[in-house]
Amino acid sequence: MLKEVEAGAAIADVCRRTGISVATFHRWKAKYEGLELSELRRMKSLESENAQLMRLLADTLLEKNTLEELVRKKAWGDPSKGTL
């Protein structure tokens, strides 16, 4: 799309044909303009890896909190059973 506009196509026509808004086009232009295809593929790969690592971190933190809660209940007794 960026190359089409650089070649002289109207932004509105390109957006209408591809089904995106003009605002989306300008956001993508600011983000991706000047990148070669190999750089774009690398960026997408890194974004995907980053998302996977963030999910892994969230799962690990959830597991850590669950284990801490279990240890806390074992050490202090379970308040729901009336024992301390």
PDB file of N, CA and C in Angstrom:
ATOM      1  N   MET A   1       0.826  -1.185   0.000  1.00  0.00           N
ATOM      2  CA  MET A   1       0.000   0.000   0.000  1.00  0.00           C
ATOM      3  C   MET A   1       0.871   1.251   0.000  1.00  0.00           C
ATOM      4  N   LEU A   2       1.929   1.227   0.829  1.00  0.00           N
ATOM      5  CA  LEU A   2       2.801   2.401   0.888  1.00  0.00           C
ATOM      6  C   LEU A   2       3.455   2.652  -0.458  1.00  0.00           C
ATOM      7  N   LYS A   3       3.865   1.589  -1.137  1.00  0.00           N
ATOM      8  CA  LYS A   3       4.515   1.740  -2.435  1.00  0.00           C
ATOM      9  C   LYS A   3       3.535   2.252  -3.487  1.00  0.00           C
ATOM     10  N   GLU A   4       2.268   1.838  -3.378  1.00  0.00           N
ATOM     11  CA  GLU A   4       1.258   2.331  -4.314  1.00  0.00           C
ATOM     12  C   GLU A   4       1.085   3.837  -4.167  1.00  0.00           C
ATOM     13  N   VAL A   5       1.007   4.306  -2.924  1.00  0.00           N
ATOM     14  CA  VAL A   5       0.834   5.738  -2.682  1.00  0.00           C
ATOM     15  C   VAL A   5       2.080   6.494  -3.138  1.00  0.00           C
ATOM     16  N   GLU A   6       3.268   5.928  -2.885  1.00  0.00           N
ATOM     17  CA  GLU A   6       4.503   6.565  -3.346  1.00  0.00           C
ATOM     18  C   GLU A   6       4.530   6.673  -4.865  1.00  0.00           C
ATOM     19  N   ALA A   7       3.912   5.676  -5.534  1.00  0.00           N
ATOM     20  CA  ALA A   7       3.879   5.672  -6.993  1.00  0.00           C
ATOM     21  C   ALA A   7       2.842   6.639  -7.548  1.00  0.00           C
ATOM     22  N   GLY A   8       2.012   7.230  -6.662  1.00  0.00           N
ATOM     23  CA  GLY A   8       1.078   8.236  -7.133  1.00  0.00           C
ATOM     24  C   GLY A   8      -0.390   7.925  -6.913  1.00  0.00           C
ATOM     25  N   ALA A   9      -0.708   6.773  -6.373  1.00  0.00           N
ATOM     26  CA  ALA A   9      -2.108   6.435  -6.127  1.00  0.00           C
ATOM     27  C   ALA A   9      -2.646   7.301  -4.985  1.00  0.00           C
ATOM     28  N   ALA A  10      -3.928   7.590  -5.032  1.00  0.00           N
ATOM     29  CA  ALA A  10      -4.560   8.391  -3.986  1.00  0.00           C
ATOM     30  C   ALA A  10      -4.733   7.551  -2.724  1.00  0.00           C
ATOM     31  N   ILE A  11      -4.435   8.152  -1.592  1.00  0.00           N
ATOM     32  CA  ILE A  11      -4.531   7.449  -0.311  1.00  0.00           C
ATOM     33  C   ILE A  11      -5.955   6.946  -0.089  1.00  0.00           C
ATOM     34  N   ALA A  12      -6.938   7.778  -0.358  1.00  0.00           N
ATOM     35  CA  ALA A  12      -8.336   7.393  -0.144  1.00  0.00           C
ATOM     36  C   ALA A  12      -8.705   6.173  -0.989  1.00  0.00           C
ATOM     37  N   ASP A  13      -8.228   6.124  -2.236  1.00  0.00           N
ATOM     38  CA  ASP A  13      -8.529   4.991  -3.113  1.00  0.00           C
ATOM     39  C   ASP A  13      -7.888   3.708  -2.595  1.00  0.00           C
ATOM     40  N   VAL A  14      -6.637   3.794  -2.159  1.00  0.00           N
ATOM     41  CA  VAL A  14      -5.937   2.624  -1.638  1.00  0.00           C
ATOM     42  C   VAL A  14      -6.626   2.128  -0.370  1.00  0.00           C
ATOM     43  N   CYS A  15      -7.012   3.056   0.498  1.00  0.00           N
ATOM     44  CA  CYS A  15      -7.688   2.682   1.747  1.00  0.00           C
ATOM     45  C   CYS A  15      -9.033   2.035   1.474  1.00  0.00           C
ATOM     46  N   ARG A  16      -9.778   2.591   0.560  1.00  0.00           N
ATOM     47  CA  ARG A  16     -11.092   2.044   0.229  1.00  0.00           C
ATOM     48  C   ARG A  16     -10.948   0.638  -0.348  1.00  0.00           C
ATOM     49  N   ARG A  17      -9.976   0.436  -1.225  1.00  0.00           N
ATOM     50  CA  ARG A  17      -9.769  -0.861  -1.868  1.00  0.00           C
ATOM     51  C   ARG A  17      -9.328  -1.920  -0.861  1.00  0.00           C
ATOM     52  N   THR A  18      -8.490  -1.534   0.099  1.00  0.00           N
ATOM     53  CA  THR A  18      -7.977  -2.497   1.080  1.00  0.00           C
ATOM     54  C   THR A  18      -8.853  -2.613   2.318  1.00  0.00           C
ATOM     55  N   GLY A  19      -9.812  -1.705   2.478  1.00  0.00           N
ATOM     56  CA  GLY A  19     -10.741  -1.789   3.600  1.00  0.00           C
ATOM     57  C   GLY A  19     -10.192  -1.266   4.915  1.00  0.00           C
ATOM     58  N   ILE A  20      -9.278  -0.313   4.860  1.00  0.00           N
ATOM     59  CA  ILE A  20      -8.748   0.292   6.089  1.00  0.00           C
ATOM     60  C   ILE A  20      -9.082   1.777   6.100  1.00  0.00           C
ATOM     61  N   SER A  21      -8.993   2.382   7.270  1.00  0.00           N
ATOM     62  CA  SER A  21      -9.261   3.815   7.357  1.00  0.00           C
ATOM     63  C   SER A  21      -8.006   4.596   6.993  1.00  0.00           C
ATOM     64  N   VAL A  22      -8.207   5.854   6.681  1.00  0.00           N
ATOM     65  CA  VAL A  22      -7.083   6.735   6.356  1.00  0.00           C
ATOM     66  C   VAL A  22      -6.180   6.889   7.583  1.00  0.00           C
ATOM     67  N   ALA A  23      -6.776   6.934   8.779  1.00  0.00           N
ATOM     68  CA  ALA A  23      -5.983   7.047  10.010  1.00  0.00           C
ATOM     69  C   ALA A  23      -5.083   5.827  10.180  1.00  0.00           C
ATOM     70  N   THR A  24      -5.613   4.644   9.884  1.00  0.00           N
ATOM     71  CA  THR A  24      -4.809   3.421   9.966  1.00  0.00           C
ATOM     72  C   THR A  24      -3.668   3.478   8.973  1.00  0.00           C
ATOM     73  N   PHE A  25      -3.954   3.945   7.766  1.00  0.00           N
ATOM     74  CA  PHE A  25      -2.899   4.075   6.761  1.00  0.00           C
ATOM     75  C   PHE A  25      -1.768   4.964   7.264  1.00  0.00           C
ATOM     76  N   HIS A  26      -2.117   6.106   7.824  1.00  0.00           N
ATOM     77  CA  HIS A  26      -1.083   7.031   8.299  1.00  0.00           C
ATOM     78  C   HIS A  26      -0.305   6.450   9.492  1.00  0.00           C
ATOM     79  N   ARG A  27      -0.994   5.703  10.348  1.00  0.00           N
ATOM     80  CA  ARG A  27      -0.315   5.058  11.477  1.00  0.00           C
ATOM     81  C   ARG A  27       0.671   4.010  10.953  1.00  0.00           C
ATOM     82  N   TRP A  28       0.243   3.207   9.985  1.00  0.00           N
ATOM     83  CA  TRP A  28       1.127   2.192   9.409  1.00  0.00           C
ATOM     84  C   TRP A  28       2.285   2.857   8.669  1.00  0.00           C
ATOM     85  N   LYS A  29       1.987   3.956   8.004  1.00  0.00           N
ATOM     86  CA  LYS A  29       3.037   4.667   7.269  1.00  0.00           C
ATOM     87  C   LYS A  29       4.109   5.151   8.234  1.00  0.00           C
ATOM     88  N   ALA A  30       3.705   5.729   9.361  1.00  0.00           N
ATOM     89  CA  ALA A  30       4.667   6.210  10.350  1.00  0.00           C
ATOM     90  C   ALA A  30       5.483   5.052  10.925  1.00  0.00           C
ATOM     91  N   LYS A  31       4.858   3.900  11.067  1.00  0.00           N
ATOM     92  CA  LYS A  31       5.537   2.762  11.689  1.00  0.00           C
ATOM     93  C   LYS A  31       6.429   2.005  10.706  1.00  0.00           C
ATOM     94  N   TYR A  32       5.965   1.823   9.470  1.00  0.00           N
ATOM     95  CA  TYR A  32       6.643   0.929   8.536  1.00  0.00           C
ATOM     96  C   TYR A  32       7.355   1.607   7.373  1.00  0.00           C
ATOM     97  N   GLU A  33       7.178   2.884   7.202  1.00  0.00           N
ATOM     98  CA  GLU A  33       7.795   3.554   6.061  1.00  0.00           C
ATOM     99  C   GLU A  33       9.310   3.438   6.128  1.00  0.00           C
ATOM    100  N   GLY A  34       9.906   3.082   5.026  1.00  0.00           N
ATOM    101  CA  GLY A  34      11.349   2.987   4.943  1.00  0.00           C
ATOM    102  C   GLY A  34      11.903   1.611   5.287  1.00  0.00           C
ATOM    103  N   LEU A  35      11.057   0.697   5.747  1.00  0.00           N
ATOM    104  CA  LEU A  35      11.531  -0.644   6.074  1.00  0.00           C
ATOM    105  C   LEU A  35      11.528  -1.523   4.824  1.00  0.00           C
ATOM    106  N   GLU A  36      12.558  -2.316   4.704  1.00  0.00           N
ATOM    107  CA  GLU A  36      12.592  -3.314   3.639  1.00  0.00           C
ATOM    108  C   GLU A  36      11.765  -4.512   4.088  1.00  0.00           C
ATOM    109  N   LEU A  37      11.412  -5.361   3.161  1.00  0.00           N
ATOM    110  CA  LEU A  37      10.576  -6.510   3.462  1.00  0.00           C
ATOM    111  C   LEU A  37      11.234  -7.420   4.498  1.00  0.00           C
ATOM    112  N   SER A  38      12.536  -7.629   4.394  1.00  0.00           N
ATOM    113  CA  SER A  38      13.233  -8.489   5.352  1.00  0.00           C
ATOM    114  C   SER A  38      13.205  -7.871   6.751  1.00  0.00           C
ATOM    115  N   GLU A  39      13.334  -6.553   6.837  1.00  0.00           N
ATOM    116  CA  GLU A  39      13.272  -5.875   8.132  1.00  0.00           C
ATOM    117  C   GLU A  39      11.867  -5.970   8.726  1.00  0.00           C
ATOM    118  N   LEU A  40      10.863  -5.850   7.882  1.00  0.00           N
ATOM    119  CA  LEU A  40       9.475  -5.959   8.317  1.00  0.00           C
ATOM    120  C   LEU A  40       9.183  -7.363   8.846  1.00  0.00           C
ATOM    121  N   ARG A  41       9.666  -8.378   8.139  1.00  0.00           N
ATOM    122  CA  ARG A  41       9.483  -9.759   8.599  1.00  0.00           C
ATOM    123  C   ARG A  41      10.175  -9.973   9.942  1.00  0.00           C
ATOM    124  N   ARG A  42      11.368  -9.431  10.090  1.00  0.00           N
ATOM    125  CA  ARG A  42      12.113  -9.564  11.349  1.00  0.00           C
ATOM    126  C   ARG A  42      11.359  -8.864  12.482  1.00  0.00           C
ATOM    127  N   MET A  43      10.811  -7.690  12.220  1.00  0.00           N
ATOM    128  CA  MET A  43      10.059  -6.951  13.227  1.00  0.00           C
ATOM    129  C   MET A  43       8.831  -7.748  13.662  1.00  0.00           C
ATOM    130  N   LYS A  44       8.107  -8.311  12.712  1.00  0.00           N
ATOM    131  CA  LYS A  44       6.921  -9.110  13.030  1.00  0.00           C
ATOM    132  C   LYS A  44       7.310 -10.338  13.847  1.00  0.00           C
ATOM    133  N   SER A  45       8.430 -10.963  13.502  1.00  0.00           N
ATOM    134  CA  SER A  45       8.914 -12.123  14.242  1.00  0.00           C
ATOM    135  C   SER A  45       9.249 -11.748  15.682  1.00  0.00           C
ATOM    136  N   LEU A  46       9.921 -10.624  15.874  1.00  0.00           N
ATOM    137  CA  LEU A  46      10.272 -10.159  17.212  1.00  0.00           C
ATOM    138  C   LEU A  46       9.027  -9.791  18.017  1.00  0.00           C
ATOM    139  N   GLU A  47       8.040  -9.172  17.380  1.00  0.00           N
ATOM    140  CA  GLU A  47       6.796  -8.841  18.073  1.00  0.00           C
ATOM    141  C   GLU A  47       6.078 -10.105  18.524  1.00  0.00           C
ATOM    142  N   SER A  48       6.080 -11.129  17.683  1.00  0.00           N
ATOM    143  CA  SER A  48       5.440 -12.396  18.030  1.00  0.00           C
ATOM    144  C   SER A  48       6.177 -13.064  19.192  1.00  0.00           C
ATOM    145  N   GLU A  49       7.503 -13.069  19.139  1.00  0.00           N
ATOM    146  CA  GLU A  49       8.296 -13.651  20.222  1.00  0.00           C
ATOM    147  C   GLU A  49       8.081 -12.886  21.524  1.00  0.00           C
ATOM    148  N   ASN A  50       8.004 -11.571  21.446  1.00  0.00           N
ATOM    149  CA  ASN A  50       7.778 -10.742  22.625  1.00  0.00           C
ATOM    150  C   ASN A  50       6.416 -11.055  23.253  1.00  0.00           C
ATOM    151  N   ALA A  51       5.394 -11.211  22.441  1.00  0.00           N
ATOM    152  CA  ALA A  51       4.060 -11.540  22.947  1.00  0.00           C
ATOM    153  C   ALA A  51       4.072 -12.906  23.633  1.00  0.00           C
ATOM    154  N   GLN A  52       4.777 -13.862  23.057  1.00  0.00           N
ATOM    155  CA  GLN A  52       4.870 -15.192  23.652  1.00  0.00           C
ATOM    156  C   GLN A  52       5.591 -15.125  25.000  1.00  0.00           C
ATOM    157  N   LEU A  53       6.661 -14.350  25.085  1.00  0.00           N
ATOM    158  CA  LEU A  53       7.396 -14.211  26.339  1.00  0.00           C
ATOM    159  C   LEU A  53       6.555 -13.506  27.402  1.00  0.00           C
ATOM    160  N   MET A  54       5.765 -12.529  27.007  1.00  0.00           N
ATOM    161  CA  MET A  54       4.907 -11.831  27.960  1.00  0.00           C
ATOM    162  C   MET A  54       3.834 -12.778  28.512  1.00  0.00           C
ATOM    163  N   ARG A  55       3.273 -13.648  27.658  1.00  0.00           N
ATOM    164  CA  ARG A  55       2.300 -14.639  28.141  1.00  0.00           C
ATOM    165  C   ARG A  55       2.959 -15.610  29.109  1.00  0.00           C
ATOM    166  N   LEU A  56       4.184 -16.036  28.795  1.00  0.00           N
ATOM    167  CA  LEU A  56       4.917 -16.941  29.664  1.00  0.00           C
ATOM    168  C   LEU A  56       5.186 -16.290  31.017  1.00  0.00           C
ATOM    169  N   LEU A  57       5.568 -15.027  31.013  1.00  0.00           N
ATOM    170  CA  LEU A  57       5.805 -14.293  32.260  1.00  0.00           C
ATOM    171  C   LEU A  57       4.520 -14.188  33.072  1.00  0.00           C
ATOM    172  N   ALA A  58       3.419 -13.876  32.430  1.00  0.00           N
ATOM    173  CA  ALA A  58       2.139 -13.761  33.137  1.00  0.00           C
ATOM    174  C   ALA A  58       1.751 -15.098  33.762  1.00  0.00           C
ATOM    175  N   ASP A  59       1.933 -16.191  33.034  1.00  0.00           N
ATOM    176  CA  ASP A  59       1.629 -17.514  33.579  1.00  0.00           C
ATOM    177  C   ASP A  59       2.514 -17.835  34.774  1.00  0.00           C
ATOM    178  N   THR A  60       3.790 -17.498  34.672  1.00  0.00           N
ATOM    179  CA  THR A  60       4.736 -17.761  35.754  1.00  0.00           C
ATOM    180  C   THR A  60       4.393 -16.948  36.996  1.00  0.00           C
ATOM    181  N   LEU A  61       4.029 -15.683  36.813  1.00  0.00           N
ATOM    182  CA  LEU A  61       3.653 -14.851  37.955  1.00  0.00           C
ATOM    183  C   LEU A  61       2.373 -15.350  38.614  1.00  0.00           C
ATOM    184  N   LEU A  62       1.434 -15.826  37.814  1.00  0.00           N
ATOM    185  CA  LEU A  62       0.198 -16.380  38.362  1.00  0.00           C
ATOM    186  C   LEU A  62       0.498 -17.631  39.186  1.00  0.00           C
ATOM    187  N   GLU A  63       1.351 -18.479  38.655  1.00  0.00           N
ATOM    188  CA  GLU A  63       1.747 -19.688  39.388  1.00  0.00           C
ATOM    189  C   GLU A  63       2.470 -19.332  40.680  1.00  0.00           C
ATOM    190  N   LYS A  64       3.357 -18.347  40.640  1.00  0.00           N
ATOM    191  CA  LYS A  64       4.094 -17.899  41.831  1.00  0.00           C
ATOM    192  C   LYS A  64       3.126 -17.397  42.894  1.00  0.00           C
ATOM    193  N   ASN A  65       2.174 -16.573  42.499  1.00  0.00           N
ATOM    194  CA  ASN A  65       1.196 -16.041  43.448  1.00  0.00           C
ATOM    195  C   ASN A  65       0.343 -17.150  44.054  1.00  0.00           C
ATOM    196  N   THR A  66      -0.025 -18.125  43.252  1.00  0.00           N
ATOM    197  CA  THR A  66      -0.811 -19.256  43.750  1.00  0.00           C
ATOM    198  C   THR A  66      -0.015 -20.041  44.784  1.00  0.00           C
ATOM    199  N   LEU A  67       1.247 -20.296  44.500  1.00  0.00           N
ATOM    200  CA  LEU A  67       2.096 -21.029  45.445  1.00  0.00           C
ATOM    201  C   LEU A  67       2.315 -20.240  46.732  1.00  0.00           C
ATOM    202  N   GLU A  68       2.506 -18.926  46.608  1.00  0.00           N
ATOM    203  CA  GLU A  68       2.663 -18.091  47.805  1.00  0.00           C
ATOM    204  C   GLU A  68       1.404 -18.136  48.664  1.00  0.00           C
ATOM    205  N   GLU A  69       0.250 -18.095  48.028  1.00  0.00           N
ATOM    206  CA  GLU A  69      -1.018 -18.163  48.762  1.00  0.00           C
ATOM    207  C   GLU A  69      -1.156 -19.506  49.475  1.00  0.00           C
ATOM    208  N   LEU A  70      -0.764 -20.579  48.807  1.00  0.00           N
ATOM    209  CA  LEU A  70      -0.813 -21.905  49.402  1.00  0.00           C
ATOM    210  C   LEU A  70       0.111 -21.994  50.615  1.00  0.00           C
ATOM    211  N   VAL A  71       1.317 -21.464  50.499  1.00  0.00           N
ATOM    212  CA  VAL A  71       2.273 -21.465  51.614  1.00  0.00           C
ATOM    213  C   VAL A  71       1.722 -20.632  52.769  1.00  0.00           C
ATOM    214  N   ARG A  72       1.140 -19.491  52.455  1.00  0.00           N
ATOM    215  CA  ARG A  72       0.565 -18.631  53.482  1.00  0.00           C
ATOM    216  C   ARG A  72      -0.558 -19.349  54.233  1.00  0.00           C
ATOM    217  N   LYS A  73      -1.405 -20.068  53.527  1.00  0.00           N
ATOM    218  CA  LYS A  73      -2.502 -20.804  54.161  1.00  0.00           C
ATOM    219  C   LYS A  73      -1.970 -21.938  55.025  1.00  0.00           C
ATOM    220  N   LYS A  74      -0.923 -22.615  54.564  1.00  0.00           N
ATOM    221  CA  LYS A  74      -0.336 -23.712  55.331  1.00  0.00           C
ATOM    222  C   LYS A  74       0.331 -23.184  56.598  1.00  0.00           C
ATOM    223  N   ALA A  75       1.026 -22.043  56.484  1.00  0.00           N
ATOM    224  CA  ALA A  75       1.772 -21.488  57.620  1.00  0.00           C
ATOM    225  C   ALA A  75       0.841 -20.896  58.673  1.00  0.00           C
ATOM    226  N   TRP A  76      -0.244 -20.284  58.274  1.00  0.00           N
ATOM    227  CA  TRP A  76      -1.133 -19.576  59.209  1.00  0.00           C
ATOM    228  C   TRP A  76      -2.441 -20.301  59.445  1.00  0.00           C
ATOM    229  N   GLY A  77      -2.625 -21.399  58.804  1.00  0.00           N
ATOM    230  CA  GLY A  77      -3.901 -22.093  58.928  1.00  0.00           C
ATOM    231  C   GLY A  77      -4.906 -21.511  57.943  1.00  0.00           C
ATOM    232  N   ASP A  78      -5.948 -22.217  57.696  1.00  0.00           N
ATOM    233  CA  ASP A  78      -6.966 -21.773  56.735  1.00  0.00           C
ATOM    234  C   ASP A  78      -8.053 -21.029  57.494  1.00  0.00           C
ATOM    235  N   PRO A  79      -8.140 -19.686  57.325  1.00  0.00           N
ATOM    236  CA  PRO A  79      -9.140 -18.893  58.058  1.00  0.00           C
ATOM    237  C   PRO A  79     -10.577 -19.335  57.775  1.00  0.00           C
ATOM    238  N   SER A  80     -10.832 -19.934  56.631  1.00  0.00           N
ATOM    239  CA  SER A  80     -12.203 -20.342  56.315  1.00  0.00           C
ATOM    240  C   SER A  80     -12.641 -21.535  57.164  1.00  0.00           C
ATOM    241  N   LYS A  81     -11.682 -22.264  57.747  1.00  0.00           N
ATOM    242  CA  LYS A  81     -12.014 -23.406  58.611  1.00  0.00           C
ATOM    243  C   LYS A  81     -12.026 -23.019  60.082  1.00  0.00           C
ATOM    244  N   GLY A  82     -11.723 -21.780  60.379  1.00  0.00           N
ATOM    245  CA  GLY A  82     -11.764 -21.302  61.754  1.00  0.00           C
ATOM    246  C   GLY A  82     -10.537 -21.670  62.578  1.00  0.00           C
ATOM    247  N   THR A  83      -9.468 -22.091  61.916  1.00  0.00           N
ATOM    248  CA  THR A  83      -8.238 -22.435  62.648  1.00  0.00           C
ATOM    249  C   THR A  83      -7.148 -21.433  62.324  1.00  0.00           C
ATOM    250  N   LEU A  84      -6.360 -21.087  63.314  1.00  0.00           N
ATOM    251  CA  LEU A  84      -5.235 -20.189  63.098  1.00  0.00           C
ATOM    252  C   LEU A  84      -4.002 -20.734  63.742  1.00  0.00           C
TER     253      LEU A  84
END
